[in-house]
C-alpha atoms as a PDB file:
ATOM      1  CA  UNK A   1       0.000   0.000   0.000  1.00  0.00           C
ATOM      2  CA  UNK A   2       2.899   2.361   0.739  1.00  0.00           C
ATOM      3  CA  UNK A   3       4.149   1.934  -2.825  1.00  0.00           C
ATOM      4  CA  UNK A   4       0.872   3.199  -4.302  1.00  0.00           C
ATOM      5  CA  UNK A   5       0.883   6.292  -2.074  1.00  0.00           C
ATOM      6  CA  UNK A   6       4.463   7.186  -3.116  1.00  0.00           C
ATOM      7  CA  UNK A   7       3.642   6.709  -6.788  1.00  0.00           C
ATOM      8  CA  UNK A   8       0.531   8.851  -6.401  1.00  0.00           C
ATOM      9  CA  UNK A   9       2.505  11.599  -4.646  1.00  0.00           C
ATOM     10  CA  UNK A  10       5.190  11.516  -7.354  1.00  0.00           C
ATOM     11  CA  UNK A  11       2.522  11.785 -10.048  1.00  0.00           C
ATOM     12  CA  UNK A  12       0.911  14.728  -8.271  1.00  0.00           C
ATOM     13  CA  UNK A  13       4.296  16.463  -7.969  1.00  0.00           C
ATOM     14  CA  UNK A  14       4.936  16.091 -11.692  1.00  0.00           C
ATOM     15  CA  UNK A  15       1.452  17.326 -12.596  1.00  0.00           C
ATOM     16  CA  UNK A  16       1.747  20.330 -10.266  1.00  0.00           C
ATOM     17  CA  UNK A  17       5.162  21.273 -11.623  1.00  0.00           C
ATOM     18  CA  UNK A  18       3.923  21.125 -15.223  1.00  0.00           C
ATOM     19  CA  UNK A  19       0.858  23.225 -14.400  1.00  0.00           C
ATOM     20  CA  UNK A  20       2.923  25.808 -12.540  1.00  0.00           C
ATOM     21  CA  UNK A  21       5.551  25.841 -15.266  1.00  0.00           C
ATOM     22  CA  UNK A  22       3.018  26.634 -17.971  1.00  0.00           C
ATOM     23  CA  UNK A  23       1.557  29.534 -15.993  1.00  0.00           C
ATOM     24  CA  UNK A  24       4.986  30.954 -15.129  1.00  0.00           C
ATOM     25  CA  UNK A  25       6.167  31.388 -18.715  1.00  0.00           C
ATOM     26  CA  UNK A  26       6.115  34.754 -20.431  1.00  0.00           C
ATOM     27  CA  UNK A  27       4.602  35.041 -23.872  1.00  0.00           C
ATOM     28  CA  UNK A  28       6.500  36.583 -26.743  1.00  0.00           C
ATOM     29  CA  UNK A  29       4.561  37.511 -29.858  1.00  0.00           C
ATOM     30  CA  UNK A  30       6.409  37.765 -33.159  1.00  0.00           C
ATOM     31  CA  UNK A  31       4.786  40.354 -35.426  1.00  0.00           C
ATOM     32  CA  UNK A  32       5.429  40.389 -39.174  1.00  0.00           C
ATOM     33  CA  UNK A  33       4.520  43.290 -41.455  1.00  0.00           C
ATOM     34  CA  UNK A  34       2.053  42.307 -44.180  1.00  0.00           C
ATOM     35  CA  UNK A  35       1.294  44.507 -47.215  1.00  0.00           C
ATOM     36  CA  UNK A  36       2.816  47.537 -45.453  1.00  0.00           C
ATOM     37  CA  UNK A  37       2.906  50.400 -47.950  1.00  0.00           C
ATOM     38  CA  UNK A  38       3.779  54.081 -47.502  1.00  0.00           C
ATOM     39  CA  UNK A  39       1.689  56.799 -49.114  1.00  0.00           C
ATOM     40  CA  UNK A  40       4.721  57.776 -51.254  1.00  0.00           C
ATOM     41  CA  UNK A  41       5.021  54.308 -52.850  1.00  0.00           C
ATOM     42  CA  UNK A  42       7.701  52.877 -50.553  1.00  0.00           C
ATOM     43  CA  UNK A  43       7.198  49.634 -48.662  1.00  0.00           C
ATOM     44  CA  UNK A  44       8.116  48.188 -45.262  1.00  0.00           C
ATOM     45  CA  UNK A  45       8.932  44.552 -44.582  1.00  0.00           C
ATOM     46  CA  UNK A  46      10.219  42.682 -41.565  1.00  0.00           C
ATOM     47  CA  UNK A  47       9.216  41.796 -38.037  1.00  0.00           C
ATOM     48  CA  UNK A  48       9.512  42.627 -34.342  1.00  0.00           C
ATOM     49  CA  UNK A  49       8.873  40.808 -31.064  1.00  0.00           C
ATOM     50  CA  UNK A  50       6.676  41.983 -28.182  1.00  0.00           C
ATOM     51  CA  UNK A  51       6.936  40.551 -24.658  1.00  0.00           C
ATOM     52  CA  UNK A  52       3.473  40.629 -23.087  1.00  0.00           C
ATOM     53  CA  UNK A  53       4.841  40.388 -19.526  1.00  0.00           C
ATOM     54  CA  UNK A  54       7.201  43.373 -19.789  1.00  0.00           C
ATOM     55  CA  UNK A  55       5.555  45.349 -22.638  1.00  0.00           C
ATOM     56  CA  UNK A  56       8.977  45.420 -24.315  1.00  0.00           C
ATOM     57  CA  UNK A  57       9.692  45.516 -28.044  1.00  0.00           C
ATOM     58  CA  UNK A  58      12.861  43.756 -29.229  1.00  0.00           C
ATOM     59  CA  UNK A  59      14.368  41.825 -32.164  1.00  0.00           C
ATOM     60  CA  UNK A  60      13.250  44.695 -34.383  1.00  0.00           C
ATOM     61  CA  UNK A  61      14.237  44.089 -38.009  1.00  0.00           C
ATOM     62  CA  UNK A  62      12.251  46.262 -40.406  1.00  0.00           C
ATOM     63  CA  UNK A  63      13.467  47.354 -43.841  1.00  0.00           C
ATOM     64  CA  UNK A  64      11.887  50.241 -45.731  1.00  0.00           C
ATOM     65  CA  UNK A  65      12.297  51.036 -49.427  1.00  0.00           C
ATOM     66  CA  UNK A  66      12.643  54.452 -51.014  1.00  0.00           C
ATOM     67  CA  UNK A  67       9.650  56.436 -52.171  1.00  0.00           C
ATOM     68  CA  UNK A  68       8.962  59.966 -53.356  1.00  0.00           C
ATOM     69  CA  UNK A  69       9.092  61.581 -49.877  1.00  0.00           C
ATOM     70  CA  UNK A  70      11.783  59.507 -48.141  1.00  0.00           C
ATOM     71  CA  UNK A  71      14.214  58.800 -50.969  1.00  0.00           C
ATOM     72  CA  UNK A  72      16.529  56.305 -49.235  1.00  0.00           C
ATOM     73  CA  UNK A  73      16.029  52.755 -47.994  1.00  0.00           C
ATOM     74  CA  UNK A  74      16.534  52.185 -44.275  1.00  0.00           C
ATOM     75  CA  UNK A  75      16.863  49.288 -41.851  1.00  0.00           C
ATOM     76  CA  UNK A  76      15.366  49.707 -38.378  1.00  0.00           C
ATOM     77  CA  UNK A  77      16.744  47.533 -35.571  1.00  0.00           C
ATOM     78  CA  UNK A  78      16.839  49.784 -32.491  1.00  0.00           C
ATOM     79  CA  UNK A  79      13.986  50.650 -30.151  1.00  0.00           C
ATOM     80  CA  UNK A  80      13.690  54.437 -29.821  1.00  0.00           C
ATOM     81  CA  UNK A  81      14.211  54.970 -26.055  1.00  0.00           C
ATOM     82  CA  UNK A  82      12.267  58.238 -25.916  1.00  0.00           C
ATOM     83  CA  UNK A  83       9.337  56.704 -27.768  1.00  0.00           C
ATOM     84  CA  UNK A  84       6.183  56.539 -25.712  1.00  0.00           C
ATOM     85  CA  UNK A  85       5.992  52.949 -24.444  1.00  0.00           C
ATOM     86  CA  UNK A  86       2.575  51.681 -25.394  1.00  0.00           C
ATOM     87  CA  UNK A  87       1.093  48.307 -26.232  1.00  0.00           C
ATOM     88  CA  UNK A  88      -0.435  49.657 -29.443  1.00  0.00           C
ATOM     89  CA  UNK A  89       2.846  50.693 -31.054  1.00  0.00           C
ATOM     90  CA  UNK A  90       6.454  51.808 -30.798  1.00  0.00           C
ATOM     91  CA  UNK A  91       9.150  53.902 -32.450  1.00  0.00           C
ATOM     92  CA  UNK A  92      12.379  52.582 -33.973  1.00  0.00           C
ATOM     93  CA  UNK A  93      15.419  54.496 -35.186  1.00  0.00           C
ATOM     94  CA  UNK A  94      18.327  53.748 -37.495  1.00  0.00           C
ATOM     95  CA  UNK A  95      20.860  55.564 -35.285  1.00  0.00           C
ATOM     96  CA  UNK A  96      22.484  54.554 -31.994  1.00  0.00           C
ATOM     97  CA  UNK A  97      19.363  55.218 -29.943  1.00  0.00           C
ATOM     98  CA  UNK A  98      20.510  58.205 -27.913  1.00  0.00           C
ATOM     99  CA  UNK A  99      18.889  61.117 -29.781  1.00  0.00           C
ATOM    100  CA  UNK A 100      22.212  62.931 -30.125  1.00  0.00           C
ATOM    101  CA  UNK A 101      21.606  63.836 -33.741  1.00  0.00           C
ATOM    102  CA  UNK A 102      19.139  63.376 -36.517  1.00  0.00           C
ATOM    103  CA  UNK A 103      17.943  59.829 -36.974  1.00  0.00           C
ATOM    104  CA  UNK A 104      15.414  58.220 -39.243  1.00  0.00           C
ATOM    105  CA  UNK A 105      12.347  57.312 -37.155  1.00  0.00           C
ATOM    106  CA  UNK A 106       9.741  54.668 -37.942  1.00  0.00           C
ATOM    107  CA  UNK A 107       6.569  54.533 -35.861  1.00  0.00           C
ATOM    108  CA  UNK A 108       4.415  51.391 -36.026  1.00  0.00           C
ATOM    109  CA  UNK A 109       0.967  51.787 -34.446  1.00  0.00           C
ATOM    110  CA  UNK A 110      -2.377  50.036 -34.524  1.00  0.00           C
ATOM    111  CA  UNK A 111      -4.883  52.062 -36.571  1.00  0.00           C
ATOM    112  CA  UNK A 112      -7.768  51.271 -34.222  1.00  0.00           C
ATOM    113  CA  UNK A 113      -7.902  50.582 -30.509  1.00  0.00           C
ATOM    114  CA  UNK A 114      -5.961  47.309 -30.556  1.00  0.00           C
ATOM    115  CA  UNK A 115      -2.983  45.878 -28.772  1.00  0.00           C
ATOM    116  CA  UNK A 116       0.129  44.026 -29.828  1.00  0.00           C
ATOM    117  CA  UNK A 117      -0.286  41.771 -26.752  1.00  0.00           C
ATOM    118  CA  UNK A 118      -2.784  39.374 -28.394  1.00  0.00           C
ATOM    119  CA  UNK A 119      -1.945  37.220 -31.416  1.00  0.00           C
ATOM    120  CA  UNK A 120      -3.820  37.865 -34.644  1.00  0.00           C
ATOM    121  CA  UNK A 121      -3.898  40.434 -37.425  1.00  0.00           C
ATOM    122  CA  UNK A 122      -3.801  44.135 -36.531  1.00  0.00           C
ATOM    123  CA  UNK A 123      -4.237  46.983 -39.018  1.00  0.00           C
ATOM    124  CA  UNK A 124      -1.578  49.681 -38.828  1.00  0.00           C
ATOM    125  CA  UNK A 125      -2.095  53.211 -40.003  1.00  0.00           C
ATOM    126  CA  UNK A 126      -3.051  56.606 -38.594  1.00  0.00           C
ATOM    127  CA  UNK A 127      -5.004  56.274 -35.341  1.00  0.00           C
ATOM    128  CA  UNK A 128      -6.207  59.302 -33.425  1.00  0.00           C
ATOM    129  CA  UNK A 129      -3.075  59.700 -31.266  1.00  0.00           C
ATOM    130  CA  UNK A 130      -0.063  58.020 -32.901  1.00  0.00           C
ATOM    131  CA  UNK A 131       0.284  57.646 -36.651  1.00  0.00           C
ATOM    132  CA  UNK A 132       2.376  55.002 -38.390  1.00  0.00           C
ATOM    133  CA  UNK A 133       4.980  56.935 -40.327  1.00  0.00           C
ATOM    134  CA  UNK A 134       8.648  57.313 -41.235  1.00  0.00           C
ATOM    135  CA  UNK A 135      10.780  60.449 -41.400  1.00  0.00           C
ATOM    136  CA  UNK A 136      13.829  62.263 -40.067  1.00  0.00           C
ATOM    137  CA  UNK A 137      13.733  62.819 -36.330  1.00  0.00           C
ATOM    138  CA  UNK A 138      15.711  65.626 -34.692  1.00  0.00           C
ATOM    139  CA  UNK A 139      16.572  66.009 -31.008  1.00  0.00           C
ATOM    140  CA  UNK A 140      14.460  65.499 -28.888  1.00  0.00           C
ATOM    141  CA  UNK A 141      12.503  63.495 -31.468  1.00  0.00           C
ATOM    142  CA  UNK A 142       9.141  65.226 -31.024  1.00  0.00           C
ATOM    143  CA  UNK A 143       8.419  65.472 -34.737  1.00  0.00           C
ATOM    144  CA  UNK A 144       9.829  64.055 -37.927  1.00  0.00           C
ATOM    145  CA  UNK A 145      10.203  65.595 -41.380  1.00  0.00           C
ATOM    146  CA  UNK A 146       9.631  64.748 -44.147  1.00  0.00           C
ATOM    147  CA  UNK A 147       7.082  62.180 -43.094  1.00  0.00           C
ATOM    148  CA  UNK A 148       5.329  59.484 -45.031  1.00  0.00           C
ATOM    149  CA  UNK A 149       2.336  57.567 -43.687  1.00  0.00           C
ATOM    150  CA  UNK A 150       2.385  53.767 -43.430  1.00  0.00           C
ATOM    151  CA  UNK A 151      -0.653  51.502 -43.760  1.00  0.00           C
ATOM    152  CA  UNK A 152      -1.121  47.752 -43.932  1.00  0.00           C
ATOM    153  CA  UNK A 153      -1.244  44.939 -41.396  1.00  0.00           C
ATOM    154  CA  UNK A 154       0.945  43.163 -38.890  1.00  0.00           C
ATOM    155  CA  UNK A 155       0.331  39.498 -38.157  1.00  0.00           C
ATOM    156  CA  UNK A 156       1.256  38.222 -34.710  1.00  0.00           C
ATOM    157  CA  UNK A 157       1.969  34.650 -33.661  1.00  0.00           C
ATOM    158  CA  UNK A 158       2.706  33.301 -30.179  1.00  0.00           C
ATOM    159  CA  UNK A 159       6.257  32.221 -29.429  1.00  0.00           C
ATOM    160  CA  UNK A 160       6.259  30.871 -25.836  1.00  0.00           C
ATOM    161  CA  UNK A 161       9.527  31.502 -24.020  1.00  0.00           C
ATOM    162  CA  UNK A 162       9.956  29.520 -20.803  1.00  0.00           C
ATOM    163  CA  UNK A 163      11.413  31.428 -17.889  1.00  0.00           C
ATOM    164  CA  UNK A 164      14.049  29.977 -15.536  1.00  0.00           C
ATOM    165  CA  UNK A 165      11.337  29.348 -12.931  1.00  0.00           C
ATOM    166  CA  UNK A 166       9.524  27.146 -15.439  1.00  0.00           C
ATOM    167  CA  UNK A 167      12.626  25.035 -15.980  1.00  0.00           C
ATOM    168  CA  UNK A 168      13.162  24.772 -12.208  1.00  0.00           C
ATOM    169  CA  UNK A 169       9.616  23.607 -11.568  1.00  0.00           C
ATOM    170  CA  UNK A 170       9.863  21.057 -14.338  1.00  0.00           C
ATOM    171  CA  UNK A 171      13.173  19.764 -12.928  1.00  0.00           C
ATOM    172  CA  UNK A 172      11.615  19.403  -9.462  1.00  0.00           C
ATOM    173  CA  UNK A 173       8.756  17.399 -10.916  1.00  0.00           C
ATOM    174  CA  UNK A 174      11.060  15.137 -12.894  1.00  0.00           C
ATOM    175  CA  UNK A 175      13.258  14.705  -9.816  1.00  0.00           C
ATOM    176  CA  UNK A 176      10.247  13.667  -7.736  1.00  0.00           C
ATOM    177  CA  UNK A 177       9.231  11.213 -10.451  1.00  0.00           C
ATOM    178  CA  UNK A 178      12.763   9.767 -10.537  1.00  0.00           C
ATOM    179  CA  UNK A 179      12.846   9.451  -6.734  1.00  0.00           C
ATOM    180  CA  UNK A 180       9.524   7.632  -6.782  1.00  0.00           C
ATOM    181  CA  UNK A 181      10.714   5.200  -9.433  1.00  0.00           C
ATOM    182  CA  UNK A 182      13.985   4.606  -7.592  1.00  0.00           C
ATOM    183  CA  UNK A 183      12.248   3.827  -4.302  1.00  0.00           C
ATOM    184  CA  UNK A 184       9.837   1.559  -6.155  1.00  0.00           C
ATOM    185  CA  UNK A 185      12.733  -0.412  -7.621  1.00  0.00           C
ATOM    186  CA  UNK A 186      14.425  -0.632  -4.208  1.00  0.00           C
ATOM    187  CA  UNK A 187      11.243  -2.013  -2.634  1.00  0.00           C
ATOM    188  CA  UNK A 188      10.801  -4.524  -5.471  1.00  0.00           C
ATOM    189  CA  UNK A 189      14.432  -5.703  -5.109  1.00  0.00           C
ATOM    190  CA  UNK A 190      14.027  -6.109  -1.317  1.00  0.00           C
ATOM    191  CA  UNK A 191      10.885  -8.249  -1.715  1.00  0.00           C
END
């Protein structure tokens, strides 16, 4: 009878660790631009990641092509630190990210009240507060000229990223399972 209780406890430990591990993981959404076109004929392609736990944008890799207003192609990889942190959009610059000069700024924003914290398709464009646009940004990056407006969609998919606590809980559960199996073998050998 003792053997069944130990096996049951080990099974419960594994189940609890897996349940806790799944709730402890942060969710990262990877957003990819889809049919993103500027009003001057240029285009934008690429993607960025959004961490729903920290509201942080990272792994930004967006390439824009030349058009009639902005006549050079640019690659955006840096989060603009003075950009208003919001879950409906962000700013990215081509420069070092310290607003010490004039940088090219790209703002990506949802065109309607929507968030980048839920997977799906979100329209980007010119909402009431923050427009999606590209242009030169001077210190302190309060306006950018010349500007061109961006419209299109971004498509977000979930990319679960386990946190260290998740791995620890899973290891505890597997350890408890191993201990239960080991004691079961020891009891069977003694009998």
